[in-house]
Protein backbone atom coordinates (compact mmCIF):
# COMPACT_ATOMS: atom_id res chain seq x y z
CA UNK A 1 10.23 99.27 91.63
CA UNK A 2 13.38 100.52 89.91
CA UNK A 3 13.28 102.49 86.69
CA UNK A 4 15.25 99.71 85.03
CA UNK A 5 12.72 97.08 86.11
CA UNK A 6 9.84 99.26 84.96
CA UNK A 7 11.40 99.72 81.55
CA UNK A 8 11.97 95.99 81.23
CA UNK A 9 8.38 95.22 82.14
CA UNK A 10 7.32 97.61 79.41
CA UNK A 11 9.44 95.63 76.95
CA UNK A 12 8.78 92.04 78.01
CA UNK A 13 6.40 90.58 80.59
CA UNK A 14 9.07 88.54 82.35
CA UNK A 15 6.87 87.55 85.30
CA UNK A 16 4.36 85.86 83.00
CA UNK A 17 7.17 84.21 81.06
CA UNK A 18 8.79 82.85 84.21
CA UNK A 19 5.55 81.15 85.18
CA UNK A 20 5.93 79.01 82.06
CA UNK A 21 9.17 77.49 83.41
CA UNK A 22 8.52 75.27 86.44
CA UNK A 23 12.17 74.88 87.42
CA UNK A 24 12.50 78.63 87.98
CA UNK A 25 10.29 78.36 91.07
CA UNK A 26 12.32 75.57 92.64
CA UNK A 27 14.91 75.84 95.41
CA UNK A 28 18.54 74.74 95.44
CA UNK A 29 20.37 74.31 98.73
CA UNK A 30 17.39 75.87 100.48
CA UNK A 31 17.53 79.04 98.34
CA UNK A 32 15.39 80.21 95.46
CA UNK A 33 17.11 79.14 92.26
CA UNK A 34 18.82 81.82 90.20
CA UNK A 35 19.76 80.16 86.94
CA UNK A 36 22.52 81.99 85.05
CA UNK A 37 24.03 79.13 83.04
CA UNK A 38 22.00 79.49 79.86
CA UNK A 39 25.02 79.30 77.58
CA UNK A 40 25.43 75.71 78.78
CA UNK A 41 21.75 74.79 78.43
CA UNK A 42 18.41 76.54 78.67
CA UNK A 43 15.49 75.62 80.87
CA UNK A 44 12.35 74.10 79.39
CA UNK A 45 8.86 75.62 79.33
CA UNK A 46 5.96 73.58 80.64
CA UNK A 47 4.55 73.12 77.14
CA UNK A 48 7.72 71.27 76.06
CA UNK A 49 7.70 69.08 79.17
CA UNK A 50 4.03 68.24 78.65
CA UNK A 51 4.50 67.61 74.92
CA UNK A 52 7.26 65.09 75.62
CA UNK A 53 5.15 63.36 78.27
CA UNK A 54 2.09 63.28 76.04
CA UNK A 55 4.07 61.68 73.24
CA UNK A 56 5.18 58.80 75.45
CA UNK A 57 1.77 58.46 77.10
CA UNK A 58 -0.39 58.65 73.99
CA UNK A 59 1.55 58.64 70.71
CA UNK A 60 4.66 56.50 71.11
CA UNK A 61 5.44 54.59 67.90
CA UNK A 62 8.21 54.34 65.35
CA UNK A 63 7.83 56.72 62.44
CA UNK A 64 7.77 56.33 58.64
CA UNK A 65 6.38 53.32 56.79
CA UNK A 66 3.95 52.39 59.57
CA UNK A 67 0.35 51.85 58.47
CA UNK A 68 -1.18 51.88 61.95
CA UNK A 69 -2.61 55.02 63.47
CA UNK A 70 -0.01 55.58 66.17
CA UNK A 71 2.82 55.44 63.65
CA UNK A 72 1.03 57.83 61.33
CA UNK A 73 0.36 60.27 64.17
CA UNK A 74 3.96 60.13 65.37
CA UNK A 75 5.23 60.64 61.81
CA UNK A 76 2.95 63.62 61.33
CA UNK A 77 4.14 65.18 64.59
CA UNK A 78 7.82 64.60 63.80
CA UNK A 79 7.61 65.88 60.24
CA UNK A 80 5.45 68.78 61.42
CA UNK A 81 8.25 69.77 63.77
CA UNK A 82 10.71 69.64 60.89
CA UNK A 83 8.53 71.96 58.85
CA UNK A 84 8.16 74.43 61.72
CA UNK A 85 11.93 74.49 62.21
CA UNK A 86 12.25 75.21 58.48
CA UNK A 87 9.96 78.21 58.87
CA UNK A 88 11.69 79.35 62.06
CA UNK A 89 15.07 79.73 60.33
CA UNK A 90 13.51 80.67 56.95
CA UNK A 91 14.85 77.72 54.99
CA UNK A 92 13.25 77.10 51.63
CA UNK A 93 12.51 73.38 51.91
CA UNK A 94 12.11 70.67 54.53
CA UNK A 95 14.72 68.80 52.50
CA UNK A 96 17.24 71.27 53.95
CA UNK A 97 16.47 70.38 57.59
CA UNK A 98 18.47 67.41 58.88
CA UNK A 99 17.84 66.16 62.41
CA UNK A 100 21.05 65.32 64.29
CA UNK A 101 22.05 64.61 67.87
CA UNK A 102 23.19 68.22 68.23
CA UNK A 103 25.51 70.88 66.86
CA UNK A 104 28.56 68.65 67.32
CA UNK A 105 27.17 65.86 65.15
CA UNK A 106 25.98 68.36 62.56
CA UNK A 107 29.47 69.85 62.19
CA UNK A 108 31.03 66.38 61.98
CA UNK A 109 28.54 65.47 59.25
CA UNK A 110 29.58 68.47 57.15
CA UNK A 111 33.28 67.86 57.81
CA UNK A 112 33.09 64.24 56.66
CA UNK A 113 30.42 64.30 53.96
CA UNK A 114 30.91 67.73 52.38
CA UNK A 115 34.47 68.84 53.13
CA UNK A 116 36.48 65.62 53.16
CA UNK A 117 35.91 64.66 49.50
CA UNK A 118 36.96 68.16 48.41
CA UNK A 119 40.17 68.40 50.45
CA UNK A 120 43.77 67.56 49.65
CA UNK A 121 47.21 68.65 50.80
CA UNK A 122 46.80 71.99 48.98
CA UNK A 123 43.49 72.82 50.70
CA UNK A 124 42.80 75.01 53.71
CA UNK A 125 39.98 75.26 56.23
CA UNK A 126 39.56 78.63 57.96
CA UNK A 127 38.11 78.97 61.45
CA UNK A 128 38.46 81.67 64.11
CA UNK A 129 40.25 81.83 67.42
CA UNK A 130 36.89 82.07 69.21
CA UNK A 131 35.58 78.61 68.42
CA UNK A 132 34.02 76.02 70.70
CA UNK A 133 35.88 72.70 70.62
CA UNK A 134 33.04 71.28 68.52
CA UNK A 135 33.99 73.69 65.74
CA UNK A 136 37.71 72.90 66.01
CA UNK A 137 38.18 69.17 66.53
CA UNK A 138 36.07 67.92 63.57
CA UNK A 139 38.13 70.12 61.24
CA UNK A 140 41.39 68.94 62.78
CA UNK A 141 40.27 65.37 62.21
CA UNK A 142 39.40 65.93 58.56
CA UNK A 143 42.70 67.76 58.05
CA UNK A 144 44.52 64.75 59.49
CA UNK A 145 42.61 62.52 57.07
CA UNK A 146 43.28 64.59 53.95
CA UNK A 147 46.50 66.53 54.56
CA UNK A 148 44.62 69.84 54.43
CA UNK A 149 45.73 72.75 56.61
CA UNK A 150 43.68 74.28 59.42
CA UNK A 151 44.07 78.07 59.45
CA UNK A 152 42.95 80.17 62.42
CA UNK A 153 41.89 83.81 62.16
CA UNK A 154 43.20 85.65 65.25
CA UNK A 155 41.14 87.64 67.73
CA UNK A 156 41.93 90.85 69.58
CA UNK A 157 42.02 91.46 73.32
CA UNK A 158 38.31 92.31 73.30
CA UNK A 159 37.47 88.88 71.91
CA UNK A 160 36.65 90.02 68.38
CA UNK A 161 37.81 88.41 65.15
CA UNK A 162 40.34 90.64 63.40
CA UNK A 163 38.36 91.04 60.20
CA UNK A 164 41.17 92.46 58.04
CA UNK A 165 43.34 89.51 59.03
CA UNK A 166 40.46 87.13 58.42
CA UNK A 167 40.02 88.45 54.88
CA UNK A 168 43.75 88.21 54.20
CA UNK A 169 43.72 84.53 55.16
CA UNK A 170 41.11 83.70 52.52
CA UNK A 171 42.43 82.41 49.20
CA UNK A 172 41.66 79.99 46.42
CA UNK A 173 43.03 77.31 48.76
CA UNK A 174 40.21 77.94 51.24
CA UNK A 175 37.58 75.26 50.74
CA UNK A 176 35.66 75.67 54.00
CA UNK A 177 35.05 78.46 56.51
CA UNK A 178 33.53 77.50 59.88
CA UNK A 179 32.74 80.18 62.43
CA UNK A 180 30.51 80.51 65.48
CA UNK A 181 27.60 82.93 65.14
CA UNK A 182 28.02 83.86 68.83
CA UNK A 183 30.89 82.89 71.13
CA UNK A 184 29.70 80.72 73.99
CA UNK A 185 32.73 81.68 76.10
CA UNK A 186 32.69 85.46 75.69
CA UNK A 187 29.36 86.35 74.08
CA UNK A 188 30.91 88.00 71.02
CA UNK A 189 28.46 88.30 68.15
CA UNK A 190 30.59 87.69 65.08
CA UNK A 191 30.21 89.52 61.78
CA UNK A 192 28.80 86.43 60.13
CA UNK A 193 27.23 88.16 57.15
CA UNK A 194 30.52 89.78 56.21
CA UNK A 195 32.39 86.54 56.86
CA UNK A 196 30.01 84.61 54.62
CA UNK A 197 30.21 87.13 51.80
CA UNK A 198 34.00 87.26 51.86
CA UNK A 199 34.27 83.46 51.98
CA UNK A 200 31.97 83.09 48.99
CA UNK A 201 34.10 85.54 47.01
CA UNK A 202 36.93 82.97 47.02
CA UNK A 203 34.59 80.02 46.42
CA UNK A 204 34.62 78.66 49.99
CA UNK A 205 31.58 77.11 51.63
CA UNK A 206 30.48 78.48 55.00
CA UNK A 207 29.24 76.68 58.09
CA UNK A 208 27.92 78.77 60.98
CA UNK A 209 27.81 77.23 64.45
CA UNK A 210 24.52 78.66 65.70
CA UNK A 211 24.27 76.82 69.00
CA UNK A 212 24.62 80.03 71.01
CA UNK A 213 22.59 82.22 68.66
CA UNK A 214 19.43 80.33 67.82
CA UNK A 215 17.24 82.07 70.47
CA UNK A 216 19.46 85.08 71.13
CA UNK A 217 19.75 86.65 67.67
CA UNK A 218 17.90 86.76 64.38
CA UNK A 219 18.56 83.58 62.41
CA UNK A 220 17.46 83.79 58.80
CA UNK A 221 19.51 81.39 56.71
CA UNK A 222 18.46 82.97 53.43
CA UNK A 223 19.51 86.41 54.59
CA UNK A 224 22.74 85.04 56.07
CA UNK A 225 23.37 83.12 52.83
CA UNK A 226 25.39 80.53 54.76
CA UNK A 227 25.78 77.12 53.18
CA UNK A 228 25.28 75.27 56.48
CA UNK A 229 23.86 76.30 59.85
CA UNK A 230 23.99 74.03 62.92
CA UNK A 231 22.28 74.30 66.29
CA UNK A 232 21.24 72.22 69.30
CA UNK A 233 17.82 71.73 70.82
CA UNK A 234 18.85 72.01 74.45
CA UNK A 235 20.17 75.56 74.01
CA UNK A 236 16.88 76.54 72.40
CA UNK A 237 14.44 75.54 75.19
CA UNK A 238 14.20 72.00 73.81
CA UNK A 239 15.40 68.55 74.86
CA UNK A 240 18.97 67.29 74.93
CA UNK A 241 20.16 64.82 72.32
CA UNK A 242 18.63 66.54 69.31
CA UNK A 243 19.85 69.23 66.95
CA UNK A 244 19.55 70.50 63.42
CA UNK A 245 21.77 70.87 60.41
CA UNK A 246 20.51 73.25 57.76
CA UNK A 247 22.20 72.91 54.40
CA UNK A 248 21.50 74.40 51.01
CA UNK A 249 19.60 71.73 49.11
CA UNK A 250 21.96 71.58 46.13
CA UNK A 251 24.93 71.00 48.43
CA UNK A 252 23.14 68.33 50.45
CA UNK A 253 22.11 66.57 47.23
CA UNK A 254 25.75 66.43 46.14
CA UNK A 255 26.97 64.95 49.42
CA UNK A 256 27.26 61.22 50.11
CA UNK A 257 25.54 59.78 53.18
CA UNK A 258 27.63 59.89 56.32
CA UNK A 259 26.13 56.97 58.22
CA UNK A 260 24.43 53.87 56.89
CA UNK A 261 21.46 51.92 58.18
CA UNK A 262 17.70 51.98 58.20
CA UNK A 263 15.60 54.88 56.91
CA UNK A 264 18.42 56.40 54.84
CA UNK A 265 17.78 53.89 52.06
CA UNK A 266 15.23 53.27 49.32
CA UNK A 267 16.28 49.73 48.43
CA UNK A 268 18.94 47.37 49.72
CA UNK A 269 20.40 44.29 48.10
CA UNK A 270 23.76 42.56 48.47
CA UNK A 271 24.72 44.01 45.11
CA UNK A 272 23.65 47.63 45.58
CA UNK A 273 21.95 50.05 47.94
CA UNK A 274 19.92 52.99 46.64
CA UNK A 275 19.95 55.88 49.10
CA UNK A 276 16.88 57.78 50.20
CA UNK A 277 15.97 61.32 49.22
CA UNK A 278 16.69 64.34 51.37
CA UNK A 279 16.51 64.85 54.25
CA UNK A 280 16.37 61.16 55.15
CA UNK A 281 19.62 60.33 53.37
CA UNK A 282 21.42 61.79 56.40
CA UNK A 283 19.16 60.34 59.12
CA UNK A 284 20.26 56.73 59.50
CA UNK A 285 18.40 54.61 62.03
CA UNK A 286 15.49 55.46 64.27
CA UNK A 287 15.75 59.18 65.02
CA UNK A 288 15.20 60.94 68.32
CA UNK A 289 11.51 61.22 67.58
CA UNK A 290 10.39 62.85 70.80
CA UNK A 291 13.44 65.09 70.71
CA UNK A 292 12.48 66.45 67.32
CA UNK A 293 8.89 66.95 68.41
CA UNK A 294 10.05 68.62 71.63
CA UNK A 295 12.37 70.95 69.74
CA UNK A 296 9.57 71.93 67.40
CA UNK A 297 7.36 72.70 70.38
CA UNK A 298 10.13 74.74 72.02
CA UNK A 299 10.62 76.90 68.94
CA UNK A 300 6.86 77.31 68.54
CA UNK A 301 6.79 78.63 72.11
CA UNK A 302 9.68 80.98 71.46
CA UNK A 303 8.19 82.22 68.20
CA UNK A 304 5.22 83.60 70.12
CA UNK A 305 7.57 86.07 71.80
CA UNK A 306 8.74 89.26 70.11
CA UNK A 307 12.39 88.65 69.22
CA UNK A 308 13.22 92.34 69.30
CA UNK A 309 11.84 92.56 72.83
CA UNK A 310 13.75 89.44 73.84
CA UNK A 311 17.00 90.85 72.50
CA UNK A 312 16.38 94.23 74.14
CA UNK A 313 15.69 92.55 77.47
CA UNK A 314 18.80 90.39 77.31
CA UNK A 315 20.84 93.46 76.35
CA UNK A 316 19.59 95.21 79.48
CA UNK A 317 20.56 92.20 81.58
CA UNK A 318 24.06 92.19 80.09
CA UNK A 319 24.41 95.95 80.60
CA UNK A 320 23.43 95.64 84.26
CA UNK A 321 25.75 92.67 84.83
CA UNK A 322 28.64 94.48 83.16
CA UNK A 323 27.97 97.58 85.24
CA UNK A 324 27.91 95.60 88.46
CA UNK A 325 31.01 93.59 87.52
CA UNK A 326 33.02 96.71 86.71
CA UNK A 327 32.24 98.12 90.13
CA UNK A 328 33.96 95.22 91.93
CA UNK A 329 37.62 95.68 92.80
CA UNK A 330 40.06 93.20 91.26
CA UNK A 331 37.42 91.80 88.90
CA UNK A 332 38.45 91.55 85.25
CA UNK A 333 35.95 91.01 82.48
CA UNK A 334 37.20 88.75 79.69
CA UNK A 335 35.77 89.76 76.34
CA UNK A 336 34.53 93.31 75.89
CA UNK A 337 33.44 93.10 72.27
CA UNK A 338 31.44 96.00 70.90
CA UNK A 339 28.64 93.62 69.88
CA UNK A 340 27.81 91.03 72.53
CA UNK A 341 25.09 88.61 73.53
CA UNK A 342 24.07 88.14 77.17
CA UNK A 343 27.22 86.29 78.26
CA UNK A 344 29.74 87.70 80.76
CA UNK A 345 33.02 85.95 81.55
CA UNK A 346 35.20 87.27 84.35
CA UNK A 347 37.92 86.48 86.85
CA UNK A 348 38.61 87.89 90.31
CA UNK A 349 42.18 88.27 91.51
CA UNK A 350 43.00 85.68 94.15
CA UNK A 351 39.75 83.74 93.60
CA UNK A 352 39.60 80.47 91.69
CA UNK A 353 36.50 80.37 89.45
CA UNK A 354 35.55 76.91 90.71
CA UNK A 355 35.60 78.10 94.33
CA UNK A 356 33.40 81.06 93.43
CA UNK A 357 30.97 78.84 91.55
CA UNK A 358 30.78 76.41 94.46
CA UNK A 359 29.99 79.07 97.05
CA UNK A 360 27.43 80.70 94.78
CA UNK A 361 25.78 77.31 94.36
CA UNK A 362 25.39 77.17 98.13
CA UNK A 363 23.31 80.32 97.73
CA UNK A 364 21.12 78.84 94.98
CA UNK A 365 22.96 80.56 92.13
CA UNK A 366 23.94 78.50 89.09
CA UNK A 367 26.84 79.83 87.00
CA UNK A 368 29.45 78.07 84.87
CA UNK A 369 33.17 77.92 85.66
CA UNK A 370 36.09 76.54 83.66
CA UNK A 371 37.26 76.79 80.07
CA UNK A 372 33.74 76.50 78.58
CA UNK A 373 34.90 74.02 75.91
CA UNK A 374 37.00 76.83 74.45
CA UNK A 375 40.55 76.20 75.63
CA UNK A 376 42.17 78.17 72.77
CA UNK A 377 40.09 81.22 73.75
CA UNK A 378 41.34 80.93 77.32
CA UNK A 379 44.94 80.55 76.09
CA UNK A 380 44.57 83.64 73.92
CA UNK A 381 43.40 85.66 76.93
CA UNK A 382 46.10 84.25 79.20
CA UNK A 383 43.81 82.42 81.64
CA UNK A 384 42.99 78.80 82.41
CA UNK A 385 39.31 79.48 82.83
CA UNK A 386 36.71 81.99 83.91
CA UNK A 387 33.51 82.38 85.84
CA UNK A 388 30.66 82.90 83.39
CA UNK A 389 27.14 84.20 83.85
CA UNK A 390 24.82 83.84 80.88
CA UNK A 391 21.26 85.08 80.72
CA UNK A 392 18.06 84.26 78.88
CA UNK A 393 14.84 86.17 78.40
CA UNK A 394 13.38 84.67 81.60
CA UNK A 395 16.08 86.18 83.83
CA UNK A 396 15.45 89.44 85.70
CA UNK A 397 17.36 92.54 86.75
CA UNK A 398 16.77 91.50 90.37
CA UNK A 399 18.51 88.20 89.69
CA UNK A 400 21.49 90.00 88.17
CA UNK A 401 21.75 92.17 91.27
CA UNK A 402 21.40 89.16 93.56
CA UNK A 403 24.23 87.38 91.74
CA UNK A 404 26.63 90.28 92.12
CA UNK A 405 25.52 91.00 95.69
CA UNK A 406 26.41 87.38 96.46
CA UNK A 407 29.75 87.70 94.65
CA UNK A 408 30.64 90.78 96.68
CA UNK A 409 29.82 88.93 99.91
CA UNK A 410 31.71 85.82 98.81
CA UNK A 411 35.00 87.45 97.79
CA UNK A 412 36.20 88.21 101.37
CA UNK A 413 35.62 84.56 102.31
CA UNK A 414 37.74 83.30 99.41
CA UNK A 415 40.63 85.76 99.67
CA UNK A 416 40.95 85.80 103.47
């Protein structure tokens, strides 16, 4: 056993953790699966899979207003998940936890319900050059609707926001600042506390896209002091099709509903509709009940781990991957920020990322190739796309070595 592996075992019992994830023991193309695409989606622990199955087998009913036992049980489970999520991110009230379809819908909700009424042709929205498309396009759309201007804070060659330039772009015109907590394409951990503080100094509201951070960094919305925080279930060990928008209660109270329908109302007549209280005002229609319950279960599972140990383990994985990558001739790492999460993007001279990803798949290794829904990031770095490995707490040093051993063996095939 290597010294590195021993030290990791001392930090986090990865073998026990891996036994909680059934897919990690499967095979792909006749090889043991090595899953290194966690920035795209995470795998699900058995407890989440079982909780979803148990809901459909034993509890399935529509929630709220039902007087029968199944409906009451389902409501209790769904609202219990909401309350656990509140505790997980340290929000003050369940009224601040809005269930959505994911980060994308959460950002669109804020763009249309909070930002749009406040914007005009003199207004500006400030984002960064590191953003996922989901934190670009909704702001472009609301700018088109209002005449507001979208301003982009530039990034340096290492994939870091130029903070002095960011601050200089803030003004009394800035009504909204929207920045990713962690870059999904490069792994950069942004200086979100400083960004939030500086934005508030000019009176701007702040939305943090937390999709990539929710189980890879400390997320305490009170400490961050952000006005909105959005994340997705599927990147946090939970199901697809569900996410969360946190918003400060006073701001959410001031915002009009975004979508209309059932559950977001108190009374309806042809003359007037009275909207429901928070958080239901923003949850029109039947929600993804099992998704919310599954997400709550996922975060309960994760909360039993020591976050400091998780972060230390993932840091070791990134260090090892970076070390191995730098030892390969003609391999260029894209994004060498001083503060990074466990994401490594790279290109190899003469090798198309898609070809590399395909041949690695033949060896049971799952990585992501392409622009990672971050085309402006790729343009800034002068590439069309990259190969990306991204790790979670259930990955191992041996897997990292196996990935780069396979890359070294694959390169001669692709460049010959």
